[in-house]
Protein backbone atom coordinates (compact mmCIF):
# COMPACT_ATOMS: atom_id res chain seq x y z
CA UNK A 1 62.56 101.26 155.95
CA UNK A 2 65.00 99.37 153.75
CA UNK A 3 65.01 98.92 149.99
CA UNK A 4 63.16 95.59 149.94
CA UNK A 5 60.00 97.19 148.51
CA UNK A 6 61.97 98.69 145.62
CA UNK A 7 63.86 95.43 145.12
CA UNK A 8 60.60 93.52 144.73
CA UNK A 9 59.18 96.02 142.27
CA UNK A 10 62.44 95.88 140.26
CA UNK A 11 62.27 92.11 140.04
CA UNK A 12 65.28 91.53 142.28
CA UNK A 13 63.12 89.70 144.81
CA UNK A 14 59.54 88.44 144.79
CA UNK A 15 56.57 89.68 146.77
CA UNK A 16 55.95 88.00 150.11
CA UNK A 17 52.22 87.78 149.47
CA UNK A 18 49.97 88.30 146.48
CA UNK A 19 46.19 88.46 146.55
CA UNK A 20 44.69 87.65 143.16
CA UNK A 21 41.22 87.65 141.62
CA UNK A 22 39.79 90.44 143.72
CA UNK A 23 37.51 93.41 143.24
CA UNK A 24 39.51 96.32 144.64
CA UNK A 25 37.61 99.00 146.56
CA UNK A 26 39.39 102.28 145.86
CA UNK A 27 38.46 104.78 148.59
CA UNK A 28 40.33 107.56 146.77
CA UNK A 29 38.37 107.39 143.51
CA UNK A 30 35.26 105.79 145.06
CA UNK A 31 35.23 102.99 142.51
CA UNK A 32 35.59 99.23 142.28
CA UNK A 33 37.91 97.58 139.75
CA UNK A 34 39.26 94.09 139.18
CA UNK A 35 42.81 93.29 140.22
CA UNK A 36 45.13 92.02 142.90
CA UNK A 37 47.44 93.29 145.61
CA UNK A 38 51.13 92.54 146.15
CA UNK A 39 52.72 92.78 149.59
CA UNK A 40 56.35 92.98 150.68
CA UNK A 41 57.59 93.35 154.26
CA UNK A 42 54.07 94.02 155.48
CA UNK A 43 53.41 96.85 153.02
CA UNK A 44 51.49 97.09 149.77
CA UNK A 45 53.77 97.51 146.75
CA UNK A 46 51.30 97.22 143.87
CA UNK A 47 47.55 97.26 143.30
CA UNK A 48 46.29 95.93 139.97
CA UNK A 49 48.24 93.48 137.80
CA UNK A 50 50.53 91.68 140.23
CA UNK A 51 51.36 88.49 138.31
CA UNK A 52 54.95 89.55 137.61
CA UNK A 53 55.69 89.88 141.34
CA UNK A 54 55.00 86.22 142.15
CA UNK A 55 58.05 84.11 142.93
CA UNK A 56 58.75 80.62 144.31
CA UNK A 57 58.30 81.75 147.91
CA UNK A 58 55.32 84.02 147.42
CA UNK A 59 52.14 83.23 149.37
CA UNK A 60 49.31 83.45 146.85
CA UNK A 61 45.76 84.04 148.07
CA UNK A 62 42.84 83.74 145.67
CA UNK A 63 40.14 86.29 146.51
CA UNK A 64 37.69 84.33 144.34
CA UNK A 65 35.98 87.47 143.12
CA UNK A 66 35.45 88.95 146.55
CA UNK A 67 35.81 92.64 147.33
CA UNK A 68 39.15 93.78 148.70
CA UNK A 69 38.77 96.70 151.10
CA UNK A 70 41.11 98.51 153.48
CA UNK A 71 41.19 97.25 157.06
CA UNK A 72 38.72 99.11 159.25
CA UNK A 73 39.73 101.75 161.81
CA UNK A 74 38.07 102.55 165.13
CA UNK A 75 38.18 106.33 165.52
CA UNK A 76 37.36 106.58 169.22
CA UNK A 77 36.98 103.81 171.78
CA UNK A 78 38.01 103.07 175.34
CA UNK A 79 39.04 99.44 175.49
CA UNK A 80 38.39 98.97 179.19
CA UNK A 81 34.64 99.25 178.60
CA UNK A 82 34.89 95.90 176.79
CA UNK A 83 36.18 94.45 180.09
CA UNK A 84 38.89 92.36 178.45
CA UNK A 85 42.64 92.30 178.51
CA UNK A 86 44.10 93.93 175.42
CA UNK A 87 45.16 90.70 173.71
CA UNK A 88 41.59 89.45 173.71
CA UNK A 89 40.32 92.91 172.78
CA UNK A 90 42.55 92.82 169.70
CA UNK A 91 41.27 89.33 168.88
CA UNK A 92 37.65 90.54 168.98
CA UNK A 93 38.44 93.59 166.82
CA UNK A 94 40.45 91.72 164.21
CA UNK A 95 37.80 89.04 163.88
CA UNK A 96 35.45 91.80 162.67
CA UNK A 97 37.95 93.36 160.26
CA UNK A 98 39.11 96.19 162.54
CA UNK A 99 42.86 96.42 161.98
CA UNK A 100 43.60 99.74 163.73
CA UNK A 101 42.21 101.44 166.82
CA UNK A 102 42.57 104.89 168.37
CA UNK A 103 43.04 104.15 172.06
CA UNK A 104 44.30 105.90 175.20
CA UNK A 105 43.95 103.34 178.05
CA UNK A 106 42.53 106.08 180.26
CA UNK A 107 40.46 103.73 182.44
CA UNK A 108 43.51 101.67 183.23
CA UNK A 109 45.47 104.84 183.94
CA UNK A 110 42.90 106.09 186.44
CA UNK A 111 43.55 103.06 188.64
CA UNK A 112 47.30 102.48 188.35
CA UNK A 113 48.71 105.51 186.61
CA UNK A 114 51.29 105.79 183.85
CA UNK A 115 52.66 102.29 184.49
CA UNK A 116 49.29 100.70 183.70
CA UNK A 117 48.88 102.80 180.55
CA UNK A 118 52.34 101.71 179.39
CA UNK A 119 51.71 98.04 180.15
CA UNK A 120 48.52 97.86 178.08
CA UNK A 121 50.03 100.06 175.37
CA UNK A 122 52.79 97.47 174.99
CA UNK A 123 50.38 94.55 175.20
CA UNK A 124 48.22 95.85 172.36
CA UNK A 125 51.25 96.69 170.21
CA UNK A 126 52.37 93.05 170.44
CA UNK A 127 49.22 91.94 168.61
CA UNK A 128 48.66 92.28 164.83
CA UNK A 129 46.41 95.31 165.36
CA UNK A 130 47.74 98.84 164.77
CA UNK A 131 47.55 101.17 167.77
CA UNK A 132 46.91 104.84 167.10
CA UNK A 133 47.80 106.02 170.58
CA UNK A 134 46.03 109.07 171.97
CA UNK A 135 47.11 110.65 175.24
CA UNK A 136 44.68 109.71 178.08
CA UNK A 137 43.53 113.17 179.11
CA UNK A 138 40.58 111.72 181.04
CA UNK A 139 42.89 109.66 183.24
CA UNK A 140 44.20 112.96 184.55
CA UNK A 141 41.01 115.05 184.45
CA UNK A 142 38.46 112.52 185.68
CA UNK A 143 35.94 114.82 187.36
CA UNK A 144 38.35 117.55 188.43
CA UNK A 145 36.59 120.19 186.33
CA UNK A 146 33.46 119.51 188.36
CA UNK A 147 35.29 120.09 191.63
CA UNK A 148 35.45 116.38 192.53
CA UNK A 149 38.59 114.60 193.69
CA UNK A 150 40.65 112.37 191.40
CA UNK A 151 41.47 108.77 192.23
CA UNK A 152 44.75 108.13 194.06
CA UNK A 153 47.68 107.02 191.93
CA UNK A 154 46.35 108.32 188.61
CA UNK A 155 48.43 109.96 185.87
CA UNK A 156 49.78 113.48 186.28
CA UNK A 157 49.98 116.42 183.91
CA UNK A 158 53.69 115.73 183.42
CA UNK A 159 52.86 112.12 182.52
CA UNK A 160 50.54 113.36 179.76
CA UNK A 161 53.22 115.60 178.29
CA UNK A 162 55.64 112.68 178.30
CA UNK A 163 53.12 110.41 176.56
CA UNK A 164 52.86 112.85 173.66
CA UNK A 165 56.31 111.63 172.68
CA UNK A 166 55.54 107.91 172.88
CA UNK A 167 55.97 106.06 169.61
CA UNK A 168 52.77 105.99 167.58
CA UNK A 169 51.09 108.87 169.42
CA UNK A 170 48.70 110.67 167.07
CA UNK A 171 47.04 113.16 169.41
CA UNK A 172 44.84 113.66 172.46
CA UNK A 173 41.64 111.95 173.50
CA UNK A 174 38.66 114.17 174.25
CA UNK A 175 39.57 116.98 176.64
CA UNK A 176 36.05 118.22 177.46
CA UNK A 177 34.81 121.77 177.13
CA UNK A 178 34.93 123.02 180.74
CA UNK A 179 38.70 122.71 181.33
CA UNK A 180 39.30 124.32 177.93
CA UNK A 181 36.90 127.21 178.56
CA UNK A 182 38.21 127.71 182.09
CA UNK A 183 41.85 127.63 180.91
CA UNK A 184 43.03 124.68 182.97
CA UNK A 185 46.82 125.19 182.77
CA UNK A 186 47.64 121.52 182.22
CA UNK A 187 45.05 121.12 179.46
CA UNK A 188 45.97 124.40 177.75
CA UNK A 189 49.64 123.46 177.72
CA UNK A 190 48.92 119.93 176.54
CA UNK A 191 46.70 121.01 173.65
CA UNK A 192 49.24 123.62 172.60
CA UNK A 193 52.05 121.07 172.64
CA UNK A 194 50.02 118.53 170.67
CA UNK A 195 49.05 121.04 167.99
CA UNK A 196 52.63 122.27 167.68
CA UNK A 197 53.66 118.68 166.96
CA UNK A 198 51.06 118.34 164.21
CA UNK A 199 48.85 116.03 166.25
CA UNK A 200 45.07 116.19 166.57
CA UNK A 201 42.64 116.69 169.44
CA UNK A 202 39.45 114.62 169.51
CA UNK A 203 36.72 116.49 171.34
CA UNK A 204 33.93 115.79 173.81
CA UNK A 205 31.34 118.42 172.94
CA UNK A 206 28.27 117.00 174.67
CA UNK A 207 25.46 119.55 174.88
CA UNK A 208 27.45 122.57 173.75
CA UNK A 209 25.77 125.67 172.34
CA UNK A 210 26.90 126.96 168.97
CA UNK A 211 28.84 129.75 170.72
CA UNK A 212 30.61 127.19 172.88
CA UNK A 213 31.36 125.10 169.81
CA UNK A 214 32.97 128.17 168.23
CA UNK A 215 35.30 128.53 171.19
CA UNK A 216 36.06 124.81 171.31
CA UNK A 217 36.92 124.62 167.61
CA UNK A 218 38.89 127.86 167.76
CA UNK A 219 41.13 126.34 170.42
CA UNK A 220 42.09 123.48 168.11
CA UNK A 221 39.56 120.69 168.67
CA UNK A 222 38.95 119.13 165.25
CA UNK A 223 36.64 116.19 165.88
CA UNK A 224 33.75 115.10 168.11
CA UNK A 225 31.85 111.91 168.92
CA UNK A 226 29.20 113.30 171.29
CA UNK A 227 26.61 114.59 168.79
CA UNK A 228 23.23 112.95 169.26
CA UNK A 229 21.46 113.86 166.02
CA UNK A 230 21.94 115.13 162.47
CA UNK A 231 21.47 118.76 163.37
CA UNK A 232 24.26 118.65 165.96
CA UNK A 233 26.48 116.85 163.46
CA UNK A 234 25.97 119.63 160.90
CA UNK A 235 26.88 122.24 163.51
CA UNK A 236 30.23 120.53 163.92
CA UNK A 237 30.83 120.09 160.21
CA UNK A 238 30.13 123.79 159.67
CA UNK A 239 33.01 124.48 162.05
CA UNK A 240 35.40 122.19 160.23
CA UNK A 241 35.15 119.44 162.85
CA UNK A 242 34.99 115.83 161.74
CA UNK A 243 32.09 113.82 163.12
CA UNK A 244 32.59 110.38 164.61
CA UNK A 245 29.18 108.73 164.64
CA UNK A 246 28.72 106.67 167.78
CA UNK A 247 26.93 103.35 167.99
CA UNK A 248 27.10 101.42 171.25
CA UNK A 249 24.61 99.52 173.40
CA UNK A 250 24.38 102.46 175.83
CA UNK A 251 24.19 105.20 173.16
CA UNK A 252 22.71 104.20 169.81
CA UNK A 253 23.23 107.47 167.97
CA UNK A 254 24.41 106.51 164.47
CA UNK A 255 21.04 106.31 162.73
CA UNK A 256 20.04 109.78 163.92
CA UNK A 257 23.45 111.31 163.22
CA UNK A 258 23.88 109.90 159.71
CA UNK A 259 20.77 111.74 158.54
CA UNK A 260 23.18 114.66 158.24
CA UNK A 261 24.45 112.94 155.09
CA UNK A 262 21.22 111.55 153.66
CA UNK A 263 18.90 114.47 154.47
CA UNK A 264 20.95 117.57 155.28
CA UNK A 265 23.63 117.41 152.59
CA UNK A 266 26.74 116.97 154.73
CA UNK A 267 29.88 115.66 153.01
CA UNK A 268 30.63 111.99 153.82
CA UNK A 269 34.33 112.90 153.87
CA UNK A 270 33.69 114.62 157.21
CA UNK A 271 32.37 111.47 158.91
CA UNK A 272 33.88 108.40 160.53
CA UNK A 273 32.70 105.67 162.93
CA UNK A 274 33.26 104.91 166.61
CA UNK A 275 31.97 102.70 169.40
CA UNK A 276 33.24 104.93 172.25
CA UNK A 277 32.01 102.39 174.82
CA UNK A 278 32.84 99.02 173.27
CA UNK A 279 30.98 95.93 174.42
CA UNK A 280 32.60 92.52 174.05
CA UNK A 281 29.34 90.63 173.54
CA UNK A 282 28.33 93.00 170.74
CA UNK A 283 31.74 92.70 169.08
CA UNK A 284 31.56 88.92 169.24
CA UNK A 285 27.96 88.41 168.16
CA UNK A 286 26.95 91.46 166.08
CA UNK A 287 30.00 93.33 164.89
CA UNK A 288 32.14 96.41 165.22
CA UNK A 289 32.97 98.89 162.42
CA UNK A 290 31.64 96.28 159.98
CA UNK A 291 28.23 96.63 161.63
CA UNK A 292 28.41 100.43 161.43
CA UNK A 293 29.01 100.13 157.68
CA UNK A 294 25.90 97.95 157.41
CA UNK A 295 23.87 100.50 159.40
CA UNK A 296 25.13 103.28 157.14
CA UNK A 297 24.21 101.42 153.95
CA UNK A 298 20.78 100.52 155.35
CA UNK A 299 20.27 104.22 156.03
CA UNK A 300 20.92 105.21 152.42
CA UNK A 301 24.66 105.96 152.41
CA UNK A 302 26.56 104.75 149.36
CA UNK A 303 28.57 101.60 150.25
CA UNK A 304 31.78 103.17 148.93
CA UNK A 305 31.28 106.21 151.14
CA UNK A 306 30.53 103.91 154.08
CA UNK A 307 33.74 101.95 153.55
CA UNK A 308 35.72 105.20 153.42
CA UNK A 309 34.04 106.35 156.64
CA UNK A 310 35.21 103.13 158.25
CA UNK A 311 38.80 103.38 157.04
CA UNK A 312 40.30 106.21 155.01
CA UNK A 313 38.44 109.08 156.66
CA UNK A 314 39.69 108.04 160.09
CA UNK A 315 43.24 107.64 158.83
CA UNK A 316 43.05 111.09 157.26
CA UNK A 317 41.70 112.60 160.49
CA UNK A 318 44.58 111.21 162.52
CA UNK A 319 47.06 112.19 159.79
CA UNK A 320 48.22 108.61 159.22
CA UNK A 321 46.65 108.10 155.78
CA UNK A 322 50.17 107.71 154.38
CA UNK A 323 50.37 104.54 156.50
CA UNK A 324 46.87 103.00 156.77
CA UNK A 325 43.34 103.49 155.52
CA UNK A 326 43.54 102.61 151.83
CA UNK A 327 44.78 100.00 149.37
CA UNK A 328 47.66 101.83 147.73
CA UNK A 329 51.43 101.38 147.37
CA UNK A 330 53.36 102.13 150.53
CA UNK A 331 50.40 101.57 152.85
CA UNK A 332 50.43 98.89 155.49
CA UNK A 333 48.95 95.65 154.18
CA UNK A 334 45.68 95.75 156.13
CA UNK A 335 43.31 94.05 153.70
CA UNK A 336 39.84 92.57 154.03
CA UNK A 337 38.08 90.10 151.75
CA UNK A 338 34.35 90.84 151.79
CA UNK A 339 31.67 88.87 149.98
CA UNK A 340 29.17 91.70 149.60
CA UNK A 341 29.72 95.42 150.18
CA UNK A 342 26.21 96.12 151.44
CA UNK A 343 26.16 93.21 153.89
CA UNK A 344 29.85 93.81 154.55
CA UNK A 345 30.44 90.20 155.51
CA UNK A 346 34.13 90.11 156.45
CA UNK A 347 35.52 86.70 155.54
CA UNK A 348 39.31 87.09 155.50
CA UNK A 349 41.46 89.57 157.42
CA UNK A 350 45.06 90.45 156.65
CA UNK A 351 46.80 92.72 159.18
CA UNK A 352 50.32 94.03 158.67
CA UNK A 353 50.73 91.55 155.84
CA UNK A 354 49.76 88.50 157.93
CA UNK A 355 46.56 86.48 157.52
CA UNK A 356 44.82 86.55 160.91
CA UNK A 357 41.41 85.28 159.74
CA UNK A 358 40.88 83.08 156.68
CA UNK A 359 37.34 82.36 155.48
CA UNK A 360 36.04 83.02 158.98
CA UNK A 361 38.61 80.84 160.73
CA UNK A 362 41.08 82.47 163.10
CA UNK A 363 44.66 81.78 162.03
CA UNK A 364 46.75 83.92 164.35
CA UNK A 365 47.72 82.52 167.74
CA UNK A 366 47.07 85.19 170.34
CA UNK A 367 49.31 84.89 173.39
CA UNK A 368 48.34 86.78 176.53
CA UNK A 369 51.20 88.06 178.70
CA UNK A 370 51.73 87.30 182.37
CA UNK A 371 49.89 90.09 184.17
CA UNK A 372 51.96 91.66 186.96
CA UNK A 373 50.83 91.93 190.55
CA UNK A 374 50.39 95.72 190.43
CA UNK A 375 47.43 95.27 188.05
CA UNK A 376 45.65 92.94 190.46
CA UNK A 377 44.18 93.25 193.93
CA UNK A 378 43.11 96.84 193.31
CA UNK A 379 39.62 96.56 194.84
CA UNK A 380 39.74 96.71 198.61
CA UNK A 381 36.76 97.88 200.64
CA UNK A 382 37.63 99.17 204.10
CA UNK A 383 35.42 96.49 205.66
CA UNK A 384 32.74 94.02 204.73
CA UNK A 385 29.39 95.60 203.86
CA UNK A 386 26.47 94.99 206.23
CA UNK A 387 22.84 95.47 205.16
CA UNK A 388 22.34 98.16 207.79
CA UNK A 389 25.04 100.26 206.08
CA UNK A 390 22.51 100.92 203.33
CA UNK A 391 19.84 102.49 205.51
CA UNK A 392 18.44 105.83 204.29
CA UNK A 393 17.37 107.55 207.50
CA UNK A 394 14.50 110.01 207.41
CA UNK A 395 14.42 113.12 209.60
CA UNK A 396 13.08 112.28 213.03
CA UNK A 397 9.32 112.33 213.37
CA UNK A 398 8.54 112.17 209.62
CA UNK A 399 6.10 109.64 208.18
CA UNK A 400 6.72 110.61 204.56
CA UNK A 401 9.61 112.25 202.71
CA UNK A 402 10.40 113.34 199.17
CA UNK A 403 13.47 111.67 197.70
CA UNK A 404 15.56 112.41 194.65
CA UNK A 405 16.13 109.56 192.19
CA UNK A 406 18.35 109.18 189.16
CA UNK A 407 16.40 108.50 185.96
CA UNK A 408 18.55 105.79 184.41
CA UNK A 409 17.01 105.05 181.00
CA UNK A 410 19.58 107.10 179.08
CA UNK A 411 23.06 108.60 179.38
CA UNK A 412 21.45 111.96 180.15
CA UNK A 413 20.07 110.78 183.47
CA UNK A 414 17.55 113.23 184.87
CA UNK A 415 16.45 114.12 188.40
CA UNK A 416 13.15 112.66 189.56
CA UNK A 417 11.33 113.20 192.85
CA UNK A 418 9.03 110.83 194.68
CA UNK A 419 7.03 110.88 197.86
CA UNK A 420 8.14 107.86 199.90
CA UNK A 421 6.76 106.43 203.16
CA UNK A 422 9.00 106.21 206.20
CA UNK A 423 9.22 102.71 207.67
CA UNK A 424 8.60 101.98 211.34
CA UNK A 425 12.35 102.01 212.02
CA UNK A 426 12.68 105.53 210.58
CA UNK A 427 14.25 104.53 207.26
CA UNK A 428 13.19 104.80 203.62
CA UNK A 429 13.17 101.53 201.65
CA UNK A 430 13.15 100.78 197.94
CA UNK A 431 9.73 100.72 196.27
CA UNK A 432 9.90 97.89 193.75
CA UNK A 433 6.34 98.46 192.57
CA UNK A 434 7.25 101.96 191.35
CA UNK A 435 10.71 100.89 190.21
CA UNK A 436 12.40 103.11 192.80
CA UNK A 437 15.47 101.08 193.70
CA UNK A 438 18.38 101.74 195.99
CA UNK A 439 21.80 102.57 194.59
CA UNK A 440 25.04 102.66 196.58
CA UNK A 441 28.71 103.40 195.95
CA UNK A 442 31.70 102.42 198.11
CA UNK A 443 35.26 103.71 197.90
CA UNK A 444 37.25 100.90 196.27
CA UNK A 445 40.49 102.16 197.79
CA UNK A 446 39.41 101.51 201.38
CA UNK A 447 39.77 105.13 202.48
CA UNK A 448 36.36 105.12 204.20
CA UNK A 449 33.71 102.51 204.85
CA UNK A 450 30.46 104.44 204.60
CA UNK A 451 28.66 104.09 201.27
CA UNK A 452 26.88 106.86 199.42
CA UNK A 453 23.24 105.75 199.14
CA UNK A 454 20.46 107.13 196.95
CA UNK A 455 17.60 106.00 194.70
CA UNK A 456 17.31 105.20 191.00
CA UNK A 457 14.51 104.49 188.56
CA UNK A 458 14.56 102.79 185.17
CA UNK A 459 16.05 99.33 185.60
CA UNK A 460 12.80 97.69 186.76
CA UNK A 461 14.50 95.03 188.88
CA UNK A 462 11.85 92.92 190.57
CA UNK A 463 14.21 90.89 192.78
CA UNK A 464 17.75 90.86 194.01
CA UNK A 465 20.66 93.16 193.23
CA UNK A 466 23.55 93.72 190.86
CA UNK A 467 26.99 95.10 191.65
CA UNK A 468 30.11 96.07 189.75
CA UNK A 469 33.59 97.58 190.11
CA UNK A 470 33.35 99.22 186.67
CA UNK A 471 31.87 102.74 186.52
CA UNK A 472 33.80 105.57 184.90
CA UNK A 473 35.42 107.65 186.21
CA UNK A 474 35.41 106.29 189.74
CA UNK A 475 35.42 102.54 189.09
CA UNK A 476 34.27 102.17 192.67
CA UNK A 477 32.18 99.30 193.94
CA UNK A 478 28.60 100.14 193.05
CA UNK A 479 25.35 98.23 193.67
CA UNK A 480 21.71 98.55 192.65
CA UNK A 481 18.98 96.52 194.25
CA UNK A 482 15.55 95.86 195.61
CA UNK A 483 16.73 95.09 199.16
CA UNK A 484 19.66 95.86 201.40
CA UNK A 485 20.73 92.28 202.13
CA UNK A 486 21.17 91.32 198.48
CA UNK A 487 22.96 94.60 197.75
CA UNK A 488 25.42 93.95 200.60
CA UNK A 489 26.12 90.42 199.38
CA UNK A 490 26.63 91.63 195.82
CA UNK A 491 29.08 94.33 196.91
CA UNK A 492 31.02 91.93 199.14
CA UNK A 493 31.26 89.43 196.29
CA UNK A 494 32.69 92.07 193.95
CA UNK A 495 35.27 92.87 196.64
CA UNK A 496 36.17 89.20 197.21
CA UNK A 497 36.70 88.63 193.48
CA UNK A 498 38.99 91.66 193.19
CA UNK A 499 36.50 93.25 190.80
CA UNK A 500 33.54 91.72 188.98
CA UNK A 501 30.05 91.89 187.59
CA UNK A 502 27.75 90.17 190.10
CA UNK A 503 24.06 89.30 190.29
CA UNK A 504 22.43 88.21 193.57
CA UNK A 505 18.91 87.05 194.39
CA UNK A 506 17.39 85.87 197.67
CA UNK A 507 20.72 85.75 199.48
CA UNK A 508 22.57 83.72 196.84
CA UNK A 509 25.02 84.70 194.13
CA UNK A 510 23.17 83.98 190.90
CA UNK A 511 26.13 84.64 188.62
CA UNK A 512 29.38 86.56 188.29
CA UNK A 513 32.18 87.39 185.88
CA UNK A 514 35.47 88.21 187.56
CA UNK A 515 37.43 91.29 186.45
CA UNK A 516 40.74 90.79 188.28
CA UNK A 517 42.83 93.22 186.21
CA UNK A 518 42.30 96.62 187.86
CA UNK A 519 38.77 95.54 188.73
CA UNK A 520 37.93 96.36 185.11
CA UNK A 521 39.24 93.61 182.85
CA UNK A 522 39.05 89.86 182.53
CA UNK A 523 42.38 88.06 182.27
CA UNK A 524 40.76 85.16 180.44
CA UNK A 525 40.08 84.02 176.88
CA UNK A 526 37.23 85.85 175.16
CA UNK A 527 35.97 82.60 173.64
CA UNK A 528 35.22 81.43 177.19
CA UNK A 529 34.31 84.69 178.91
CA UNK A 530 31.91 86.15 176.30
CA UNK A 531 29.43 83.27 176.77
CA UNK A 532 29.63 83.81 180.54
CA UNK A 533 28.84 87.50 180.05
CA UNK A 534 25.89 86.60 177.83
CA UNK A 535 24.60 84.17 180.45
CA UNK A 536 24.92 86.77 183.21
CA UNK A 537 23.07 89.41 181.14
CA UNK A 538 20.29 86.87 180.53
CA UNK A 539 20.08 86.01 184.22
CA UNK A 540 19.78 89.68 185.20
CA UNK A 541 16.97 90.10 182.68
CA UNK A 542 15.07 86.88 183.32
CA UNK A 543 15.69 86.21 187.01
CA UNK A 544 15.93 89.79 188.34
CA UNK A 545 13.58 91.39 185.81
CA UNK A 546 15.92 94.08 184.44
CA UNK A 547 14.35 95.91 181.49
CA UNK A 548 17.52 97.73 180.41
CA UNK A 549 19.83 95.97 177.99
CA UNK A 550 23.50 95.60 178.89
CA UNK A 551 22.65 96.30 182.54
CA UNK A 552 26.19 96.64 183.90
CA UNK A 553 27.30 99.13 181.27
CA UNK A 554 24.17 101.23 181.52
CA UNK A 555 24.43 101.13 185.31
CA UNK A 556 28.07 102.23 185.13
CA UNK A 557 27.13 105.49 183.42
CA UNK A 558 24.81 106.55 186.22
CA UNK A 559 28.01 107.53 188.06
CA UNK A 560 29.51 110.98 187.45
CA UNK A 561 31.29 110.78 184.09
CA UNK A 562 32.81 114.17 183.35
CA UNK A 563 30.34 116.51 181.74
CA UNK A 564 27.58 114.01 180.92
CA UNK A 565 24.44 115.47 182.55
CA UNK A 566 22.31 115.60 184.66
CA UNK A 567 21.92 113.81 188.00
CA UNK A 568 24.62 111.25 188.72
CA UNK A 569 26.09 109.25 191.58
CA UNK A 570 29.47 109.98 193.15
CA UNK A 571 31.34 108.59 196.13
CA UNK A 572 29.68 111.17 198.40
CA UNK A 573 26.12 110.84 197.04
CA UNK A 574 24.02 112.51 194.37
CA UNK A 575 25.65 115.14 192.18
CA UNK A 576 24.09 117.66 189.79
CA UNK A 577 26.60 117.89 186.93
CA UNK A 578 25.20 121.09 185.39
CA UNK A 579 25.22 122.95 188.69
CA UNK A 580 28.39 121.22 189.93
CA UNK A 581 26.91 120.64 193.35
CA UNK A 582 26.13 117.79 195.72
CA UNK A 583 22.48 117.08 196.46
CA UNK A 584 20.90 115.25 199.37
CA UNK A 585 18.94 112.06 198.79
CA UNK A 586 16.05 113.35 200.86
CA UNK A 587 14.75 116.72 199.68
CA UNK A 588 14.90 119.22 202.51
CA UNK A 589 11.64 120.93 203.39
CA UNK A 590 11.25 124.61 202.68
C-alpha cells in the first residue's frame, strides 16, 4: 500500500470516486445515517461528509437517497455445484450484490488435482469479486474416511499444506468429524498448521451428538453450516461456533435455523449466510445472499442484523474484517445501493472501487479465459452402455425378491425395502407405478465397464431417464430411469458430450446441457446457458413427470457424499454411510 489514501485525505490529490446522497448502513453501530463515501485506489477513505474530496477527475455517483450497504459475502459455497466456469459464476454473484466468496474449488480438484484448483483460483481472482480461498480438504478426503477409494489424480496431503500458503488463503473448508475423531494424520497436521497461522476451520458437523460437538470444537473447528434447525444451531453457538445458515434448492434450512435468533435468544453476531450448493438458475432468477437477507427479515430478524449477517459477520469469522465487510475507512470499496432494506433490492454494485452494476444494468465486461485441454475430455466410459448392462438379476428360481431402494426426497436418504416380482427372463425391472426406479453409476475414468445398479424412490418419473456427470464426490456418470434403453441412451449421451445433464424419453434425447469443463462446468455465457437449464428442468418435470425440484442436483446427492447419511449410491453399488458397509441391491434371505 502506498500513500495515495493519505494524500487524498490531506488534499494533495482528489478521491477517485465519491458516492453522495446516500443512507449509510453502519454494521458496527447498527444504525443508518445520511452521508456519502469517498474511494481512493479501490479503498474507502471517508464515510460521511465527502464534498471536500471531490476533484476534477473524481467520478461522482448520486445515491439518490438509497441505502448504502457493504458488499455481501458468501460464507460457504462450492462453485462447481453451479455448473459454470468461474468467470460466469462471478458474474452471477456480483449481479446479486455478492462481492466476496469463500471458495475452495474442491470439486474441480477431485477431477484434475492441484492444477485444476490453481487454474480456477486464478480465473476467479481475475474478476472483480474477492476470493477468500479455503483449502479444499474434501478434494483430498472424498470418501476415504468411509473406506472408499479416492478418484485418480486428485490432490494430495502435501498439496493441501502447500495451498495454506497461497495468497488470500483464510483457512480450511469443512474437514468432517470422522477423520478428526479418528486422528487422520493428514487432517490433524493440516488443522494444526492452519490454526498456528491464525486461520480458521469451517466445519461439517452433520448429525453430531453434543459430546461429538465438544470434541470437534475442542480441536479447533469454529463454524458449521450443517445444522438443520434452531436447536442444533444453539448447540453450536453454546460451543463458540459460528453458524452459517444454509439455503439452497436441495436443503432449505434457513427458516428453521434462524428461529434460534427469533425464538431461542441466540446472538445475531454468531450467524452468517451460505448457499453451500449454489444453483445458477436460483442465483439468476431469485437471488443469492440478498435473498437470504429477505428471508431473514421476513422471519422477524432486524434488517440491520440481517445485513451484518450477510457481510460483516462473515468477514469477522474469516478474520478479514479489516479488509471487507463494512463501510469504513481502509476497507475495500465493496458498496451496494439498495432501494429498501427489507426487500433488499440491490440496484447498483461497486466492487473493489469499480461499478460493475448500475441501476440493474451490468457495466463490467467479463472475459472468460481460454480453457486448457487438461480440463476437457475428462469423462470417458470404458465402452458404450447397452441396455442389458442394467439388468438386475434375481437368484435362480425366484419369482419374487425384496430389494433395497434409496429414498431420495431429502439429503438424508433412507433405506426402503420393497417386494418386487421377477420377470420371465429372471431380472427385476423398475416399477413406475410405485415410483421404484432404476439407478446406475458408471466409472467415468474408464477403469471398468460394469455399472453399479440399484433402485430409488422419490423422483416419480413416469417416462424416460435422466443422466449426469455431476455427483459429489465421485462425479461419475449416473442415470435414473423408468427403463433400461432410455437409461443407456442418457448415459451414452453424457459420455459423448464430455459431461452433461441429459434427459431422454422414448429413445430420443429430449434435452441436454453440456458440461465440458471437467464434466462439471459449462464453458459458456450464463446469459445463454441459464435459460437452457431452466428449459431442461421444465422438460424433466413436464415430459418425464419428475416431482422433485432441481432434479439433477437432488439426484447428485443420492451418491455417497462424505458423512451425509443414510443409504447412498457408490461406484460399487449401495452403501450404508452410518455402518460404512456395502449392501446388496437384492436383500439376501435369512
